[in-house]
Amino acid sequence: MSEADAPAAPPADGLGAPLSVGIGASRGAPVEEILGLVRDTLRAAGLSPVGIAELVTVDAKADEPGIVAAAEALGVPLRTYPAGELARIEVPNPSGAPLAALGAPSVAEAAALAAGGELLVPKRKSAPTGRAPMVTCAVARRGPPRRPSVTPATADAPPRPDRCVKPGAGRIVVLPYSEDRPGRPRQPASRTHDDGHHHHPPTAVMHTPTENPDATGAGAHDLRHHGDAEVRGRDRDLTDLAVNVRAGTPPAWLRERIAGSLGSLAAYPDGRPARAAVADRHGLPVERVLLTAGAAEAFVLIARALPVRRPVVVHPQFTEPEAALRAAGHEVGRVLLRAEDGFRLDPSAVPEDADLVVVGNPTNPTSVLHPAALVERLARPGRTLVVDEAFMDAVPGERETLCGRTDVPGLVVLRSLTKTWGLAGLRIGYVLADPGTVRALEETQPLWPVSAPALTAAEACMEPRALAEAAAAAERIAVDRAHLVAGLREFTEVRVAEPAEAPFVLVRLERAAEVRERLRMLGFAARRGDTFPGLGPEWLRLAVRDRATTNRFLQAFDQALQTLGAAVR
């Protein structure tokens, strides 16, 4: 491929020219570590990732999967140079290790400077937890082609025609999909145009693997992947649209109540006051209430304690119920709601012989609120109907809730205090069910399953002022969600799953994995949708945030789409 055949450079970084990002990496370096270092390097230098024109490395790393995937995710070409050519470039921070291994004193710096210009950011190393860094990165502003220095640092083999077009130009690594790259869809190979040149697809779609059958037996979906994975470690400084916990929580008064409980940590937890408070809040006897370490524990208890023969989970929805059932040795059936039907519940699709049915309301990740009367139709004698209402308190008026109902056979309602009150790290939720089911679940729990601070939080969140605050928050979420949805509707290439009723929305767009990675470079974390059964790689879930945050996100979203060449507005 000649220089003219390379994809057009993206907009400049604001300093006058596009950016070349040099990458050095050990064998097996993960794409996440590479992308994280690139993002952190640019952010520290006050540079925009939109200005990246190319990733550059040494020829020997042309097929390194992590580097290839990073270029794909960023939507930029990967350019490589022979080690001998890089060795002729003077660098400010030479190192003996790459010189010995590859023949170049600093792959990252030399690669960044190979196309000429000025080194903006010298070599930086990744900082993974618990092991040595595997990635180096340097950034240069592109300029006139750099000429080799007179004295080479090492002898160079004659350049191969297919590897180097001309001195200083390097080669563009073409990334066609083929059968020898498993898991990736095929794209057209190079083709000859009227100008006589061979043209290749300029970028390749990043494939995000989701299979984890050894862990869950779940086939093509990683049921243990959750939104918090998007904002761990170095990614904690991202604006979080991946996790559905309400921003700005827990409130100060609740933190003070929890802190006040620390003086009693020497005593074993007593759950009776909190249990009574939950029962009173829903107008139920205490025998119908079980406190749990978050709703996730409740799914595990159900999977282990109830005599289940044919469990069925209605998808797309929160994946922990199925993961817990599979971990307990059950074969799990799936009912997949269809996007064409608005992910609306169809009770007739659930097999008659299913003796355990799990459904979310409102459903994560679709944000669909099913009518309570429709959910009730799933109930029948001999069947346990589990309704996950973890987000119901974020719905104004909690309409369509089944909490407090005692006339629905086999009904088990799960609630969480994690989302509205920001208590994901404390773990507190509860189960509402008939006394026999509560006893069976309680017998499966370990002793003192809920900590004293969590019990204090549960009791506090049942008080009238807390309920009033939660109701007001639900009203604000509805307004903020409408603002987000209105902004997303402006993008003709984006489809929003509507009507959305939860504190998150589900969107569908082509090249969603690339858009998600570009958003990370721009400072925003979004939840991938392909780990939910019934959804594919074209889906993303976005948490609802305040209007100012949403406006910033919509600008970044627009920028990501335009950079990837996906915008059609």
Protein backbone atom coordinates (compact mmCIF):
# COMPACT_ATOMS: atom_id res chain seq x y z
CA MET A 1 0.00 0.00 0.00
CA SER A 2 1.36 3.44 -0.90
CA GLU A 3 1.13 6.53 1.26
CA ALA A 4 -1.74 7.73 -0.91
CA ASP A 5 -3.68 4.59 -0.13
CA ALA A 6 -3.61 5.16 3.64
CA PRO A 7 -6.86 6.29 5.29
CA ALA A 8 -7.30 10.04 5.56
CA ALA A 9 -5.85 11.58 8.69
CA PRO A 10 -8.32 12.62 11.39
CA PRO A 11 -8.63 16.22 12.55
CA ALA A 12 -5.54 17.69 14.14
CA ASP A 13 -5.18 17.67 17.89
CA GLY A 14 -5.44 21.41 18.12
CA LEU A 15 -1.69 21.93 18.06
CA GLY A 16 -1.38 22.04 14.29
CA ALA A 17 -0.95 18.46 13.07
CA PRO A 18 -2.29 14.93 13.62
CA LEU A 19 -0.71 12.68 16.21
CA SER A 20 1.41 9.57 15.76
CA VAL A 21 1.26 7.29 18.79
CA GLY A 22 4.22 4.94 19.10
CA ILE A 23 3.60 1.65 20.87
CA GLY A 24 6.03 -0.87 22.31
CA ALA A 25 4.59 -4.01 23.85
CA SER A 26 5.67 -7.35 25.25
CA ARG A 27 4.21 -10.49 23.73
CA GLY A 28 0.64 -11.03 24.90
CA ALA A 29 0.09 -7.46 26.11
CA PRO A 30 -3.70 -7.07 26.54
CA VAL A 31 -5.56 -4.53 24.44
CA GLU A 32 -7.04 -2.98 27.59
CA GLU A 33 -3.55 -2.17 28.91
CA ILE A 34 -2.55 -0.61 25.59
CA LEU A 35 -5.71 1.50 25.27
CA GLY A 36 -5.53 2.53 28.91
CA LEU A 37 -1.94 3.74 28.57
CA VAL A 38 -2.75 5.65 25.36
CA ARG A 39 -5.72 7.32 27.00
CA ASP A 40 -3.80 8.23 30.17
CA THR A 41 -0.83 9.53 28.17
CA LEU A 42 -2.96 11.83 26.06
CA ARG A 43 -4.99 13.03 29.01
CA ALA A 44 -1.88 13.88 31.03
CA ALA A 45 -0.55 15.93 28.11
CA GLY A 46 -3.85 17.73 27.53
CA LEU A 47 -4.23 16.15 24.09
CA SER A 48 -7.43 14.92 22.46
CA PRO A 49 -7.66 11.31 21.25
CA VAL A 50 -9.54 12.61 18.24
CA GLY A 51 -6.20 13.83 16.92
CA ILE A 52 -4.72 10.32 16.67
CA ALA A 53 -3.82 9.64 13.03
CA GLU A 54 -2.17 6.25 13.50
CA LEU A 55 -0.59 3.77 15.87
CA VAL A 56 3.02 3.01 15.00
CA THR A 57 5.26 0.13 16.05
CA VAL A 58 8.07 -2.09 14.85
CA ASP A 59 7.55 -4.68 12.09
CA ALA A 60 8.10 -7.52 14.53
CA LYS A 61 4.93 -6.45 16.38
CA ALA A 62 2.75 -6.09 13.29
CA ASP A 63 0.69 -9.14 14.23
CA GLU A 64 0.66 -8.67 18.00
CA PRO A 65 -3.06 -9.15 18.83
CA GLY A 66 -3.28 -6.45 21.49
CA ILE A 67 -1.74 -3.77 19.25
CA VAL A 68 -3.86 -4.80 16.27
CA ALA A 69 -7.02 -4.72 18.39
CA ALA A 70 -6.09 -1.31 19.82
CA ALA A 71 -5.79 0.16 16.33
CA GLU A 72 -9.12 -1.40 15.40
CA ALA A 73 -10.80 -0.02 18.51
CA LEU A 74 -9.46 3.47 17.85
CA GLY A 75 -10.46 3.31 14.19
CA VAL A 76 -6.96 4.24 12.96
CA PRO A 77 -4.40 2.42 10.82
CA LEU A 78 -1.47 0.55 12.31
CA ARG A 79 1.82 1.54 10.66
CA THR A 80 5.00 -0.49 11.14
CA TYR A 81 8.70 0.09 10.40
CA PRO A 82 11.66 -2.28 10.19
CA ALA A 83 13.73 -2.35 13.37
CA GLY A 84 16.80 -1.13 11.49
CA GLU A 85 14.98 1.99 10.31
CA LEU A 86 13.77 2.77 13.83
CA ALA A 87 17.28 2.19 15.17
CA ARG A 88 18.57 5.12 13.08
CA ILE A 89 16.24 7.57 14.83
CA GLU A 90 17.69 9.40 17.81
CA VAL A 91 15.48 9.07 20.89
CA PRO A 92 15.67 10.87 24.25
CA ASN A 93 15.17 7.76 26.38
CA PRO A 94 17.03 4.76 24.91
CA SER A 95 16.83 1.42 26.65
CA GLY A 96 18.95 -1.69 26.39
CA ALA A 97 16.06 -4.18 26.54
CA PRO A 98 14.34 -3.27 23.26
CA LEU A 99 17.72 -2.78 21.60
CA ALA A 100 18.70 -6.33 22.52
CA ALA A 101 15.35 -7.86 21.66
CA LEU A 102 14.32 -5.89 18.58
CA GLY A 103 17.31 -3.87 17.50
CA ALA A 104 15.80 -0.46 18.34
CA PRO A 105 16.70 1.52 21.47
CA SER A 106 13.10 2.66 22.12
CA VAL A 107 10.32 1.29 19.98
CA ALA A 108 7.66 3.70 21.27
CA GLU A 109 9.67 6.91 20.83
CA ALA A 110 11.31 5.93 17.56
CA ALA A 111 8.01 4.73 16.10
CA ALA A 112 6.24 7.96 17.08
CA LEU A 113 9.02 10.02 15.46
CA ALA A 114 9.39 7.87 12.35
CA ALA A 115 7.02 10.00 10.29
CA GLY A 116 8.83 13.16 11.33
CA GLY A 117 7.64 16.02 13.50
CA GLU A 118 8.09 16.75 17.19
CA LEU A 119 7.98 14.44 20.20
CA LEU A 120 5.20 15.78 22.44
CA VAL A 121 5.20 13.07 25.11
CA PRO A 122 8.31 10.95 25.82
CA LYS A 123 8.04 7.26 26.52
CA ARG A 124 5.65 6.26 29.31
CA LYS A 125 5.10 2.80 30.77
CA SER A 126 1.83 1.16 31.76
CA ALA A 127 1.27 0.53 35.44
CA PRO A 128 -0.69 -2.72 35.87
CA THR A 129 -1.43 -4.02 39.34
CA GLY A 130 0.68 -6.91 40.58
CA ARG A 131 3.00 -7.40 37.60
CA ALA A 132 5.58 -5.70 35.43
CA PRO A 133 4.41 -3.26 32.75
CA MET A 134 3.98 -4.72 29.28
CA VAL A 135 3.38 -1.56 27.24
CA THR A 136 5.21 1.68 26.42
CA CYS A 137 3.76 4.66 24.62
CA ALA A 138 5.07 7.93 23.14
CA VAL A 139 3.28 10.67 21.19
CA ALA A 140 4.59 12.87 18.37
CA ARG A 141 3.04 15.61 16.29
CA ARG A 142 3.46 14.55 12.69
CA GLY A 143 5.65 16.62 10.38
CA PRO A 144 7.97 16.26 7.37
CA PRO A 145 9.51 12.77 7.00
CA ARG A 146 12.45 12.22 9.33
CA ARG A 147 15.73 11.22 7.71
CA PRO A 148 17.83 8.51 9.33
CA SER A 149 20.87 9.65 11.27
CA VAL A 150 24.26 9.04 9.68
CA THR A 151 25.41 6.37 12.12
CA PRO A 152 22.95 3.48 12.54
CA ALA A 153 22.61 1.97 15.98
CA THR A 154 22.53 -1.50 14.47
CA ALA A 155 22.91 -3.13 11.10
CA ASP A 156 19.70 -3.49 9.15
CA ALA A 157 18.64 -6.23 6.81
CA PRO A 158 17.59 -5.07 3.33
CA PRO A 159 14.05 -3.76 3.45
CA ARG A 160 11.45 -6.05 1.98
CA PRO A 161 9.21 -4.49 -0.70
CA ASP A 162 6.02 -5.60 1.04
CA ARG A 163 7.14 -4.18 4.38
CA CYS A 164 8.50 -0.75 3.57
CA VAL A 165 7.32 1.43 0.71
CA LYS A 166 10.04 4.04 1.05
CA PRO A 167 12.35 5.31 3.79
CA GLY A 168 10.35 7.19 6.41
CA ALA A 169 7.01 5.92 5.16
CA GLY A 170 6.69 2.52 6.82
CA ARG A 171 3.84 0.26 5.82
CA ILE A 172 0.18 0.29 6.70
CA VAL A 173 -0.80 -3.02 8.23
CA VAL A 174 -4.01 -4.09 6.52
CA LEU A 175 -6.44 -5.83 8.84
CA PRO A 176 -8.75 -7.93 6.63
CA TYR A 177 -10.97 -10.45 8.34
CA SER A 178 -10.37 -14.05 7.39
CA GLU A 179 -11.10 -17.56 8.53
CA ASP A 180 -7.74 -17.73 10.31
CA ARG A 181 -8.84 -15.00 12.70
CA PRO A 182 -11.49 -16.89 14.66
CA GLY A 183 -14.53 -15.10 15.98
CA ARG A 184 -14.28 -12.22 13.52
CA PRO A 185 -16.74 -11.60 10.69
CA ARG A 186 -15.30 -11.59 7.21
CA GLN A 187 -14.96 -8.37 5.23
CA PRO A 188 -14.07 -7.88 1.60
CA ALA A 189 -10.44 -8.41 0.71
CA SER A 190 -8.49 -5.78 -1.21
CA ARG A 191 -9.96 -4.76 -4.54
CA THR A 192 -8.60 -2.90 -7.57
CA HIS A 193 -10.20 0.44 -8.48
CA ASP A 194 -10.07 2.32 -11.74
CA ASP A 195 -6.98 4.19 -10.54
CA GLY A 196 -5.06 0.90 -10.60
CA HIS A 197 -4.41 0.88 -6.86
CA HIS A 198 -5.43 -1.87 -4.50
CA HIS A 199 -7.74 -0.57 -1.79
CA HIS A 200 -8.42 -2.28 1.52
CA PRO A 201 -11.02 -1.60 4.21
CA PRO A 202 -9.46 1.32 6.15
CA THR A 203 -10.39 0.00 9.60
CA ALA A 204 -11.65 -3.21 11.09
CA VAL A 205 -14.39 -3.72 13.65
CA MET A 206 -13.14 -4.69 17.10
CA HIS A 207 -14.57 -8.00 18.20
CA THR A 208 -15.21 -8.12 21.95
CA PRO A 209 -15.29 -11.76 23.02
CA THR A 210 -18.17 -12.67 25.29
CA GLU A 211 -17.87 -16.44 25.60
CA ASN A 212 -17.10 -17.81 29.04
CA PRO A 213 -18.66 -21.29 28.97
CA ASP A 214 -16.27 -22.75 31.54
CA ALA A 215 -17.48 -20.27 34.13
CA THR A 216 -21.22 -20.43 33.54
CA GLY A 217 -22.08 -22.99 30.90
CA ALA A 218 -23.86 -20.10 29.25
CA GLY A 219 -22.48 -20.41 25.74
CA ALA A 220 -21.83 -17.11 24.02
CA HIS A 221 -22.56 -14.73 26.91
CA ASP A 222 -20.37 -13.86 29.87
CA LEU A 223 -23.04 -13.82 32.56
CA ARG A 224 -20.56 -12.64 35.19
CA HIS A 225 -19.67 -9.44 33.36
CA HIS A 226 -21.21 -6.36 34.96
CA GLY A 227 -20.99 -2.62 34.49
CA ASP A 228 -18.46 -2.15 37.29
CA ALA A 229 -15.88 -3.88 35.08
CA GLU A 230 -15.91 -0.76 32.88
CA VAL A 231 -14.70 1.54 35.66
CA ARG A 232 -12.12 -0.42 37.65
CA GLY A 233 -8.52 0.51 38.33
CA ARG A 234 -7.18 3.20 36.01
CA ASP A 235 -10.68 3.73 34.58
CA ARG A 236 -12.17 5.03 37.81
CA ASP A 237 -11.71 8.61 36.65
CA LEU A 238 -14.04 8.08 33.69
CA THR A 239 -17.49 9.67 33.79
CA ASP A 240 -19.49 6.58 34.65
CA LEU A 241 -22.46 5.76 32.44
CA ALA A 242 -21.85 2.02 32.80
CA VAL A 243 -23.05 1.46 36.38
CA ASN A 244 -26.68 2.21 37.30
CA VAL A 245 -26.01 3.54 40.80
CA ARG A 246 -27.50 7.02 41.26
CA ALA A 247 -24.81 9.71 41.09
CA GLY A 248 -23.98 11.71 44.20
CA THR A 249 -24.98 8.96 46.62
CA PRO A 250 -25.11 7.98 49.40
CA PRO A 251 -26.41 11.34 50.73
CA ALA A 252 -24.64 12.95 53.65
CA TRP A 253 -27.35 12.08 56.19
CA LEU A 254 -27.17 8.40 55.26
CA ARG A 255 -23.38 8.35 55.45
CA GLU A 256 -23.63 9.83 58.93
CA ARG A 257 -26.12 7.18 60.03
CA ILE A 258 -23.89 4.41 58.71
CA ALA A 259 -20.81 5.94 60.34
CA GLY A 260 -22.71 6.12 63.63
CA SER A 261 -23.21 2.36 63.56
CA LEU A 262 -19.48 1.65 63.61
CA GLY A 263 -19.35 2.00 67.38
CA SER A 264 -21.35 -1.20 67.75
CA LEU A 265 -19.22 -3.40 65.50
CA ALA A 266 -18.15 -5.52 68.47
CA ALA A 267 -21.73 -6.84 68.75
CA TYR A 268 -23.25 -9.41 66.40
CA PRO A 269 -25.73 -7.90 63.93
CA ASP A 270 -29.40 -7.83 64.96
CA GLY A 271 -31.58 -7.69 61.87
CA ARG A 272 -34.94 -7.47 63.63
CA PRO A 273 -35.38 -3.67 63.61
CA ALA A 274 -34.47 -3.38 59.91
CA ARG A 275 -36.68 -6.34 59.02
CA ALA A 276 -39.60 -4.75 60.84
CA ALA A 277 -38.96 -1.44 59.07
CA VAL A 278 -39.05 -3.12 55.65
CA ALA A 279 -42.24 -5.00 56.56
CA ASP A 280 -43.90 -1.80 57.72
CA ARG A 281 -42.86 0.07 54.56
CA HIS A 282 -44.65 -2.53 52.39
CA GLY A 283 -47.54 -3.31 54.73
CA LEU A 284 -46.49 -6.93 55.26
CA PRO A 285 -45.87 -9.14 58.31
CA VAL A 286 -42.20 -9.64 59.16
CA GLU A 287 -42.51 -13.34 58.30
CA ARG A 288 -42.73 -12.29 54.64
CA VAL A 289 -39.43 -10.34 54.71
CA LEU A 290 -35.86 -11.61 54.39
CA LEU A 291 -32.88 -9.25 54.45
CA THR A 292 -30.00 -10.17 52.14
CA ALA A 293 -26.51 -8.96 51.25
CA GLY A 294 -27.84 -7.28 48.11
CA ALA A 295 -30.28 -8.71 45.60
CA ALA A 296 -27.44 -10.81 44.14
CA GLU A 297 -27.37 -12.96 47.29
CA ALA A 298 -31.10 -13.53 46.94
CA PHE A 299 -30.58 -15.07 43.49
CA VAL A 300 -28.03 -17.48 44.94
CA LEU A 301 -30.37 -18.44 47.80
CA ILE A 302 -33.23 -19.09 45.36
CA ALA A 303 -31.01 -21.24 43.17
CA ARG A 304 -29.80 -23.33 46.12
CA ALA A 305 -32.81 -23.53 48.42
CA LEU A 306 -35.87 -24.06 46.22
CA PRO A 307 -36.74 -27.45 44.67
CA VAL A 308 -36.50 -26.44 41.03
CA ARG A 309 -36.75 -28.79 38.04
CA ARG A 310 -37.22 -26.48 35.05
CA PRO A 311 -36.14 -22.88 35.67
CA VAL A 312 -36.67 -20.27 32.96
CA VAL A 313 -35.19 -16.77 32.80
CA VAL A 314 -36.81 -14.07 30.67
CA HIS A 315 -34.09 -12.22 28.74
CA PRO A 316 -32.60 -9.74 28.09
CA GLN A 317 -32.27 -9.03 31.79
CA PHE A 318 -29.79 -8.95 34.67
CA THR A 319 -27.63 -12.03 34.19
CA GLU A 320 -26.96 -13.02 37.82
CA PRO A 321 -30.19 -15.08 38.19
CA GLU A 322 -29.15 -17.40 35.37
CA ALA A 323 -25.51 -17.47 36.52
CA ALA A 324 -26.60 -18.45 40.04
CA LEU A 325 -28.94 -21.16 38.76
CA ARG A 326 -26.24 -22.64 36.53
CA ALA A 327 -23.70 -22.51 39.36
CA ALA A 328 -26.17 -24.51 41.48
CA GLY A 329 -26.31 -27.21 38.81
CA HIS A 330 -29.59 -26.31 37.07
CA GLU A 331 -30.19 -26.39 33.34
CA VAL A 332 -31.70 -23.01 32.56
CA GLY A 333 -34.20 -22.28 29.82
CA ARG A 334 -34.35 -18.87 28.17
CA VAL A 335 -37.25 -16.86 26.83
CA LEU A 336 -35.82 -14.12 24.60
CA LEU A 337 -37.94 -10.99 24.18
CA ARG A 338 -37.49 -9.39 20.78
CA ALA A 339 -36.32 -5.90 19.96
CA GLU A 340 -38.90 -5.73 17.15
CA ASP A 341 -41.61 -6.10 19.81
CA GLY A 342 -40.07 -3.46 22.06
CA PHE A 343 -38.80 -6.18 24.43
CA ARG A 344 -42.37 -6.45 25.75
CA LEU A 345 -43.28 -9.42 27.88
CA ASP A 346 -45.30 -12.22 26.27
CA PRO A 347 -46.51 -14.59 29.01
CA SER A 348 -47.53 -17.19 26.41
CA ALA A 349 -43.86 -17.60 25.42
CA VAL A 350 -42.98 -19.07 28.82
CA PRO A 351 -43.25 -22.90 28.85
CA GLU A 352 -46.19 -24.20 30.87
CA ASP A 353 -44.02 -26.69 32.75
CA ALA A 354 -41.56 -24.05 33.97
CA ASP A 355 -41.60 -24.25 37.77
CA LEU A 356 -39.41 -21.17 38.31
CA VAL A 357 -39.67 -18.02 36.18
CA VAL A 358 -37.43 -14.99 36.65
CA VAL A 359 -38.30 -11.61 35.13
CA GLY A 360 -37.05 -8.07 35.79
CA ASN A 361 -39.39 -5.09 36.19
CA PRO A 362 -38.32 -2.56 35.12
CA THR A 363 -35.92 -4.71 33.17
CA ASN A 364 -32.17 -4.24 33.09
CA PRO A 365 -30.88 -3.47 30.44
CA THR A 366 -33.93 -2.75 28.24
CA SER A 367 -35.51 -0.15 30.60
CA VAL A 368 -38.92 -1.68 29.84
CA LEU A 369 -41.58 -1.44 32.57
CA HIS A 370 -43.99 -4.35 32.20
CA PRO A 371 -47.58 -3.89 33.37
CA ALA A 372 -48.12 -5.61 36.71
CA ALA A 373 -51.21 -7.35 35.33
CA LEU A 374 -49.07 -8.87 32.56
CA VAL A 375 -46.41 -10.09 35.01
CA GLU A 376 -49.15 -11.62 37.19
CA ARG A 377 -50.19 -13.81 34.27
CA LEU A 378 -46.92 -15.71 34.70
CA ALA A 379 -48.00 -16.93 38.15
CA ARG A 380 -49.74 -20.27 38.75
CA PRO A 381 -49.90 -22.91 41.47
CA GLY A 382 -46.70 -24.97 41.66
CA ARG A 383 -44.55 -22.25 40.07
CA THR A 384 -42.25 -19.75 41.77
CA LEU A 385 -42.42 -16.36 40.08
CA VAL A 386 -39.36 -14.22 40.87
CA VAL A 387 -39.75 -10.54 39.99
CA ASP A 388 -36.56 -8.50 40.22
CA GLU A 389 -37.67 -4.99 41.21
CA ALA A 390 -34.19 -3.63 41.90
CA PHE A 391 -35.00 -0.45 39.94
CA MET A 392 -38.68 -0.05 40.81
CA ASP A 393 -37.98 2.70 43.35
CA ALA A 394 -36.55 4.76 40.46
CA VAL A 395 -39.98 4.68 38.74
CA PRO A 396 -42.24 7.59 39.77
CA GLY A 397 -44.99 6.28 42.03
CA GLU A 398 -43.51 2.75 41.77
CA ARG A 399 -46.39 1.96 39.47
CA GLU A 400 -46.52 -1.68 38.35
CA THR A 401 -44.89 -2.91 41.56
CA LEU A 402 -46.01 -6.22 43.05
CA CYS A 403 -44.56 -5.46 46.48
CA GLY A 404 -47.18 -5.87 49.16
CA ARG A 405 -49.23 -8.33 47.13
CA THR A 406 -50.08 -11.57 48.94
CA ASP A 407 -52.70 -12.88 46.49
CA VAL A 408 -50.30 -13.90 43.68
CA PRO A 409 -49.34 -17.59 44.03
CA GLY A 410 -45.62 -18.33 44.29
CA LEU A 411 -44.65 -14.64 44.08
CA VAL A 412 -41.14 -13.66 45.20
CA VAL A 413 -40.20 -9.98 44.85
CA LEU A 414 -36.58 -8.85 45.14
CA ARG A 415 -35.58 -5.32 46.07
CA SER A 416 -32.20 -3.61 46.27
CA LEU A 417 -31.07 -0.49 48.13
CA THR A 418 -27.89 -0.39 46.07
CA LYS A 419 -29.03 1.70 43.12
CA THR A 420 -31.00 4.59 44.56
CA TRP A 421 -28.92 5.01 47.71
CA GLY A 422 -25.41 4.29 46.40
CA LEU A 423 -24.74 1.30 48.66
CA ALA A 424 -23.15 -1.12 46.18
CA GLY A 425 -20.13 -1.48 48.47
CA LEU A 426 -22.26 -2.14 51.55
CA ARG A 427 -24.53 -4.88 50.05
CA ILE A 428 -28.12 -4.63 51.26
CA GLY A 429 -31.36 -5.82 49.71
CA TYR A 430 -34.40 -7.87 50.65
CA VAL A 431 -36.86 -10.55 49.57
CA LEU A 432 -40.66 -10.37 49.90
CA ALA A 433 -42.35 -13.78 49.68
CA ASP A 434 -44.68 -16.16 51.48
CA PRO A 435 -43.43 -17.30 54.92
CA GLY A 436 -42.57 -20.83 53.74
CA THR A 437 -40.32 -19.52 50.95
CA VAL A 438 -38.71 -17.02 53.32
CA ARG A 439 -37.92 -19.81 55.79
CA ALA A 440 -36.38 -21.97 53.07
CA LEU A 441 -34.17 -19.12 51.87
CA GLU A 442 -33.22 -18.12 55.42
CA GLU A 443 -32.10 -21.66 56.25
CA THR A 444 -29.67 -21.50 53.32
CA GLN A 445 -28.13 -18.22 54.49
CA PRO A 446 -25.00 -18.23 56.67
CA LEU A 447 -25.26 -16.81 60.16
CA TRP A 448 -25.39 -13.02 60.35
CA PRO A 449 -25.44 -12.54 56.55
CA VAL A 450 -26.01 -8.78 56.67
CA SER A 451 -23.56 -6.51 58.49
CA ALA A 452 -24.56 -4.04 61.20
CA PRO A 453 -23.80 -0.97 59.01
CA ALA A 454 -25.94 -2.45 56.20
CA LEU A 455 -28.80 -3.09 58.63
CA THR A 456 -28.56 0.51 59.84
CA ALA A 457 -28.75 1.70 56.24
CA ALA A 458 -31.79 -0.49 55.51
CA GLU A 459 -33.66 0.84 58.52
CA ALA A 460 -32.80 4.43 57.62
CA CYS A 461 -33.91 4.02 53.99
CA MET A 462 -37.38 2.92 55.13
CA GLU A 463 -38.03 6.16 57.05
CA PRO A 464 -40.56 8.67 55.67
CA ARG A 465 -37.96 11.29 54.78
CA ALA A 466 -35.93 8.71 52.89
CA LEU A 467 -38.99 7.53 50.96
CA ALA A 468 -39.79 11.14 50.09
CA GLU A 469 -36.21 11.69 48.89
CA ALA A 470 -36.34 8.55 46.77
CA ALA A 471 -39.64 9.64 45.23
CA ALA A 472 -38.21 13.05 44.35
CA ALA A 473 -35.13 11.40 42.87
CA ALA A 474 -37.35 9.20 40.69
CA GLU A 475 -39.10 12.30 39.34
CA ARG A 476 -35.73 13.94 38.55
CA ILE A 477 -34.51 10.77 36.85
CA ALA A 478 -37.56 10.80 34.58
CA VAL A 479 -36.81 14.37 33.51
CA ASP A 480 -33.10 13.66 33.01
CA ARG A 481 -33.88 10.49 31.07
CA ALA A 482 -36.18 12.41 28.72
CA HIS A 483 -33.33 14.86 28.06
CA LEU A 484 -30.92 12.01 27.29
CA VAL A 485 -33.39 10.24 25.00
CA ALA A 486 -34.18 13.47 23.15
CA GLY A 487 -30.47 14.03 22.54
CA LEU A 488 -29.94 10.47 21.32
CA ARG A 489 -32.86 10.80 18.91
CA GLU A 490 -30.89 13.48 17.09
CA PHE A 491 -28.53 10.80 15.82
CA THR A 492 -30.17 9.10 12.87
CA GLU A 493 -27.84 6.12 13.16
CA VAL A 494 -28.91 5.41 16.75
CA ARG A 495 -32.02 3.56 17.83
CA VAL A 496 -33.23 3.98 21.43
CA ALA A 497 -35.28 1.18 22.97
CA GLU A 498 -38.47 2.97 23.99
CA PRO A 499 -40.39 3.69 26.07
CA ALA A 500 -37.61 3.80 28.66
CA GLU A 501 -38.77 3.80 32.27
CA ALA A 502 -35.63 2.97 34.31
CA PRO A 503 -32.55 5.04 35.24
CA PHE A 504 -30.78 3.82 32.08
CA VAL A 505 -31.49 3.49 28.37
CA LEU A 506 -30.57 0.85 25.81
CA VAL A 507 -29.31 1.99 22.40
CA ARG A 508 -28.52 0.18 19.19
CA LEU A 509 -25.96 1.33 16.62
CA GLU A 510 -23.48 -0.15 14.21
CA ARG A 511 -19.86 -0.47 15.34
CA ALA A 512 -20.98 -0.07 18.95
CA ALA A 513 -17.78 -1.68 20.29
CA GLU A 514 -15.66 0.90 18.48
CA VAL A 515 -17.90 3.74 19.62
CA ARG A 516 -17.61 2.48 23.19
CA GLU A 517 -13.82 2.42 23.02
CA ARG A 518 -13.73 5.88 21.47
CA LEU A 519 -15.99 7.14 24.25
CA ARG A 520 -13.52 5.76 26.78
CA MET A 521 -10.79 7.77 25.09
CA LEU A 522 -13.03 10.82 25.46
CA GLY A 523 -13.60 10.15 29.17
CA PHE A 524 -16.91 8.24 29.28
CA ALA A 525 -17.65 4.63 30.28
CA ALA A 526 -20.64 2.92 28.65
CA ARG A 527 -21.94 -0.59 29.37
CA ARG A 528 -21.51 -3.09 26.55
CA GLY A 529 -24.69 -4.96 25.71
CA ASP A 530 -23.36 -8.16 24.18
CA THR A 531 -23.09 -10.00 27.51
CA PHE A 532 -26.89 -10.00 27.88
CA PRO A 533 -28.61 -13.00 26.26
CA GLY A 534 -30.84 -11.72 23.49
CA LEU A 535 -28.55 -8.80 22.64
CA GLY A 536 -25.57 -8.58 20.31
CA PRO A 537 -22.49 -6.39 19.90
CA GLU A 538 -24.53 -3.53 18.42
CA TRP A 539 -26.10 -2.63 21.80
CA LEU A 540 -24.92 -0.26 24.56
CA ARG A 541 -26.54 0.63 27.87
CA LEU A 542 -26.25 4.20 29.16
CA ALA A 543 -27.01 5.30 32.71
CA VAL A 544 -29.12 8.43 33.15
CA ARG A 545 -27.19 11.34 34.63
CA ASP A 546 -27.91 15.02 35.26
CA ARG A 547 -28.45 17.39 32.34
CA ALA A 548 -24.94 18.89 32.41
CA THR A 549 -23.29 15.45 32.34
CA THR A 550 -25.64 14.32 29.58
CA ASN A 551 -24.78 17.35 27.47
CA ARG A 552 -21.08 16.60 27.79
CA PHE A 553 -21.73 12.97 26.92
CA LEU A 554 -23.80 13.83 23.83
CA GLN A 555 -20.97 16.04 22.56
CA ALA A 556 -18.48 13.20 23.09
CA PHE A 557 -20.88 10.74 21.48
CA ASP A 558 -21.20 12.97 18.42
CA GLN A 559 -17.43 13.32 18.29
CA ALA A 560 -16.96 9.55 18.56
CA LEU A 561 -19.38 8.85 15.73
CA GLN A 562 -17.87 11.46 13.45
CA THR A 563 -14.34 10.29 14.13
CA LEU A 564 -15.28 6.74 13.24
CA GLY A 565 -17.00 7.90 10.07
CA ALA A 566 -20.33 6.58 11.30
CA ALA A 567 -22.27 9.85 11.52
CA VAL A 568 -24.77 10.44 8.74
CA ARG A 569 -26.46 13.57 9.99
